[in-house]
Structure formats: C-alpha cells, structure tokens
Protein backbone atom coordinates (compact mmCIF):
# COMPACT_ATOMS: atom_id res chain seq x y z
CA MET A 1 15.78 -53.82 -24.11
CA PRO A 2 13.15 -51.08 -23.44
CA THR A 3 12.76 -52.37 -19.85
CA THR A 4 16.48 -51.86 -19.14
CA THR A 5 16.38 -48.29 -20.50
CA PHE A 6 13.29 -47.54 -18.42
CA ARG A 7 14.98 -48.88 -15.25
CA ARG A 8 18.08 -46.77 -15.86
CA PHE A 9 15.97 -43.69 -16.46
CA SER A 10 13.88 -44.36 -13.32
CA LEU A 11 16.97 -44.85 -11.14
CA SER A 12 18.54 -41.64 -12.48
CA ALA A 13 15.32 -39.69 -11.98
CA ILE A 14 14.89 -40.92 -8.41
CA LEU A 15 18.51 -40.12 -7.53
CA SER A 16 18.23 -36.64 -9.08
CA LEU A 17 15.01 -35.95 -7.18
CA PHE A 18 16.57 -37.09 -3.89
CA LEU A 19 19.64 -34.84 -4.40
CA ALA A 20 17.47 -31.87 -5.37
CA LEU A 21 15.30 -32.25 -2.27
CA ALA A 22 18.35 -32.62 -0.03
CA PHE A 23 19.86 -29.43 -1.50
CA LEU A 24 16.62 -27.46 -1.11
CA ALA A 25 16.27 -28.57 2.52
CA SER A 26 19.68 -27.13 3.41
CA PRO A 27 19.45 -23.80 5.26
CA ALA A 28 20.95 -20.69 3.72
CA HIS A 29 24.28 -19.51 5.13
CA ALA A 30 25.60 -15.99 5.16
CA ALA A 31 29.12 -15.27 3.96
CA SER A 32 30.44 -14.14 7.34
CA PRO A 33 31.70 -16.50 10.05
CA ALA A 34 29.61 -17.09 13.18
CA LEU A 35 32.46 -16.16 15.56
CA SER A 36 34.77 -13.16 15.53
CA VAL A 37 37.43 -12.49 18.15
CA THR A 38 39.54 -9.50 19.11
CA ALA A 39 42.34 -9.38 21.67
CA SER A 40 43.30 -6.40 23.81
CA SER A 41 46.98 -7.03 23.10
CA SER A 42 49.30 -9.37 21.23
CA THR A 43 51.93 -9.09 23.98
CA VAL A 44 51.83 -9.36 27.75
CA THR A 45 54.39 -9.22 30.55
CA PRO A 46 54.44 -11.39 33.68
CA GLY A 47 51.78 -9.99 36.03
CA GLY A 48 49.73 -8.60 33.12
CA SER A 49 46.49 -9.72 31.52
CA VAL A 50 44.86 -9.95 28.10
CA SER A 51 41.14 -9.67 27.33
CA LEU A 52 39.46 -11.49 24.47
CA SER A 53 36.17 -10.20 23.09
CA LEU A 54 34.19 -13.08 21.51
CA THR A 55 31.25 -12.11 19.30
CA PHE A 56 28.80 -14.75 18.11
CA THR A 57 26.67 -13.70 15.13
CA ASN A 58 23.67 -15.71 13.98
CA VAL A 59 24.35 -16.18 10.26
CA HIS A 60 21.19 -18.24 9.71
CA ASP A 61 17.63 -17.24 8.89
CA THR A 62 16.17 -18.79 12.07
CA PRO A 63 16.97 -18.10 15.74
CA VAL A 64 19.87 -19.87 17.45
CA GLN A 65 18.44 -21.47 20.59
CA PHE A 66 21.54 -23.02 22.18
CA ILE A 67 25.23 -22.08 22.18
CA TYR A 68 28.08 -23.95 23.87
CA GLN A 69 31.65 -22.73 23.67
CA SER A 70 34.79 -23.81 25.50
CA VAL A 71 38.22 -22.16 25.47
CA GLN A 72 41.39 -24.16 26.08
CA PRO A 73 45.15 -23.59 25.81
CA THR A 74 46.90 -25.31 22.90
CA TRP A 75 49.12 -28.29 23.58
CA GLN A 76 52.25 -26.21 22.87
CA THR A 77 51.16 -23.66 25.47
CA THR A 78 50.61 -26.33 28.12
CA GLN A 79 54.12 -27.68 27.44
CA ALA A 80 55.97 -24.34 27.69
CA PRO A 81 58.35 -24.57 30.67
CA GLY A 82 57.60 -22.07 33.44
CA LEU A 83 54.71 -20.39 31.63
CA LYS A 84 51.97 -19.71 34.20
CA PHE A 85 48.60 -18.11 33.53
CA THR A 86 45.00 -18.36 34.62
CA LEU A 87 42.07 -18.28 32.22
CA SER A 88 38.98 -16.49 33.60
CA GLY A 89 36.78 -19.37 32.49
CA ASN A 90 36.87 -22.37 30.21
CA THR A 91 33.25 -22.09 29.09
CA VAL A 92 31.60 -19.06 27.58
CA ASP A 93 28.03 -18.04 28.44
CA TYR A 94 26.19 -16.25 25.65
CA THR A 95 22.64 -14.98 25.94
CA ALA A 96 20.34 -17.13 23.81
CA PRO A 97 18.18 -17.16 21.77
CA VAL A 98 19.98 -15.07 19.13
CA ALA A 99 17.74 -13.70 16.38
CA PRO A 100 18.76 -14.02 12.71
CA GLY A 101 21.51 -11.49 11.94
CA ALA A 102 21.87 -10.48 15.61
CA SER A 103 25.07 -10.75 17.66
CA THR A 104 25.98 -11.34 21.28
CA THR A 105 29.40 -10.61 22.82
CA VAL A 106 31.22 -11.89 25.88
CA THR A 107 34.66 -11.06 27.24
CA ILE A 108 37.07 -13.51 28.83
CA SER A 109 40.59 -12.84 29.99
CA TYR A 110 43.75 -14.53 31.12
CA GLN A 111 46.13 -13.32 33.79
CA VAL A 112 49.83 -14.14 33.52
CA ALA A 113 51.40 -14.94 36.90
CA ALA A 114 53.99 -12.50 38.18
CA ASP A 115 56.50 -15.34 38.52
CA SER A 116 55.80 -16.75 35.03
CA SER A 117 58.68 -17.30 32.65
CA CYS A 118 58.91 -14.94 29.75
CA GLY A 119 59.86 -15.52 26.14
CA GLY A 120 57.01 -18.00 25.62
CA ARG A 121 53.66 -17.67 23.95
CA ILE A 122 50.08 -18.18 25.12
CA ASP A 123 47.88 -19.62 22.40
CA LEU A 124 44.27 -20.68 22.89
CA TYR A 125 41.64 -22.39 20.78
CA THR A 126 37.89 -22.62 21.06
CA TYR A 127 35.26 -25.24 20.35
CA LEU A 128 31.92 -23.70 19.36
CA TYR A 129 28.67 -25.66 19.03
CA TYR A 130 25.23 -24.22 18.41
CA GLU A 131 21.70 -25.32 17.49
CA TYR A 132 19.20 -23.51 15.28
CA GLN A 133 15.99 -24.11 13.30
CA ALA A 134 14.14 -25.25 16.44
CA GLY A 135 17.10 -27.41 17.43
CA SER A 136 16.88 -29.62 14.35
CA LEU A 137 20.14 -28.32 12.84
CA THR A 138 23.54 -27.91 14.48
CA GLU A 139 26.95 -26.56 13.63
CA SER A 140 30.30 -26.86 15.36
CA THR A 141 33.81 -25.62 14.71
CA ILE A 142 37.24 -25.44 16.28
CA GLN A 143 38.96 -22.10 15.86
CA ASP A 144 42.27 -20.64 16.97
CA LEU A 145 42.07 -17.50 19.08
CA PRO A 146 44.54 -14.60 18.98
CA GLY A 147 47.60 -15.40 21.10
CA SER A 148 50.08 -13.34 23.08
CA ASP A 149 53.85 -13.34 23.37
CA VAL A 150 55.01 -13.18 27.00
CA LEU A 151 57.73 -10.56 27.01
CA CYS A 152 60.40 -9.81 29.60
CA VAL A 153 60.52 -6.28 31.00
C-alpha cells in the first residue's frame, strides 16, 4: 500500500514540475496587439484609392528578427461582379529587427479601376508571421483589415 501512494505522489510531483517549468519558459506578452491598422477612408468611388497604414509593434521583451505579412482580398470581394481594383502589393516589407516595445509602419494602397462597378465592397485580410527570441519562438495570426464601400457618384 505505501508503494502505491508513493508512486501516485511521484507522478503528481513530476507532472506539476513539468507544467511549472513550461509556464515559466513562456515569454511575457503585453496587452496590446502586435498589428494595428488605419484606413484613409471607409468609402471610395471608381477611379479612387484607399491607403492602409499597417503598424507592427513588438509586444515581446526580446527583438523581433523576422516579419512576414501578406495581404489578400476576401473571398466575397473576389466574387463581387464587376468590382475591379489593384492592390499595391501582396506582401509587406517591414524593417527588422524591431526592438522590444518599438514599432515600424508601412503603407499599402489599393486603386479602384475607373470602370469598376459600384455598390460593392472591398474587404481585405492579412496573414502575419514573426519570429523573436533569437528565432526560437514564433507567432502568427490572420486579421481582417478595414474595408471600403465602393460608392457611385
């Protein structure tokens, strides 16, 4: 009977130690998100353009060495009949490394064709991936970006 109790205690102690070490090894995260986005307008007319300002903030306590971000239209946007626009680029180039607490900002834009249909909506999303703590830790996220209604004039 004492051997069984000792085994149970040992297994519990080992599991508790493992979980405690795993928790302590996790890096600290700040409360703010790593990516913030602002749009120059929520509406656009055919022939017009919208700029998106994308700001990446390092919310970790070690430098971010590598950042990859792509921007794509949503499926609904690609299916909108007659909606025509050109995105200035599908990948975003940030300056890295980014020190803890520091930010870097890039601007992308999309131009709506003059012969585009109106009454639709342009919605985009982004995939963000970055590496920190000497590349040993990574994070990634998919985030919606502010969209624009295409209005008739």
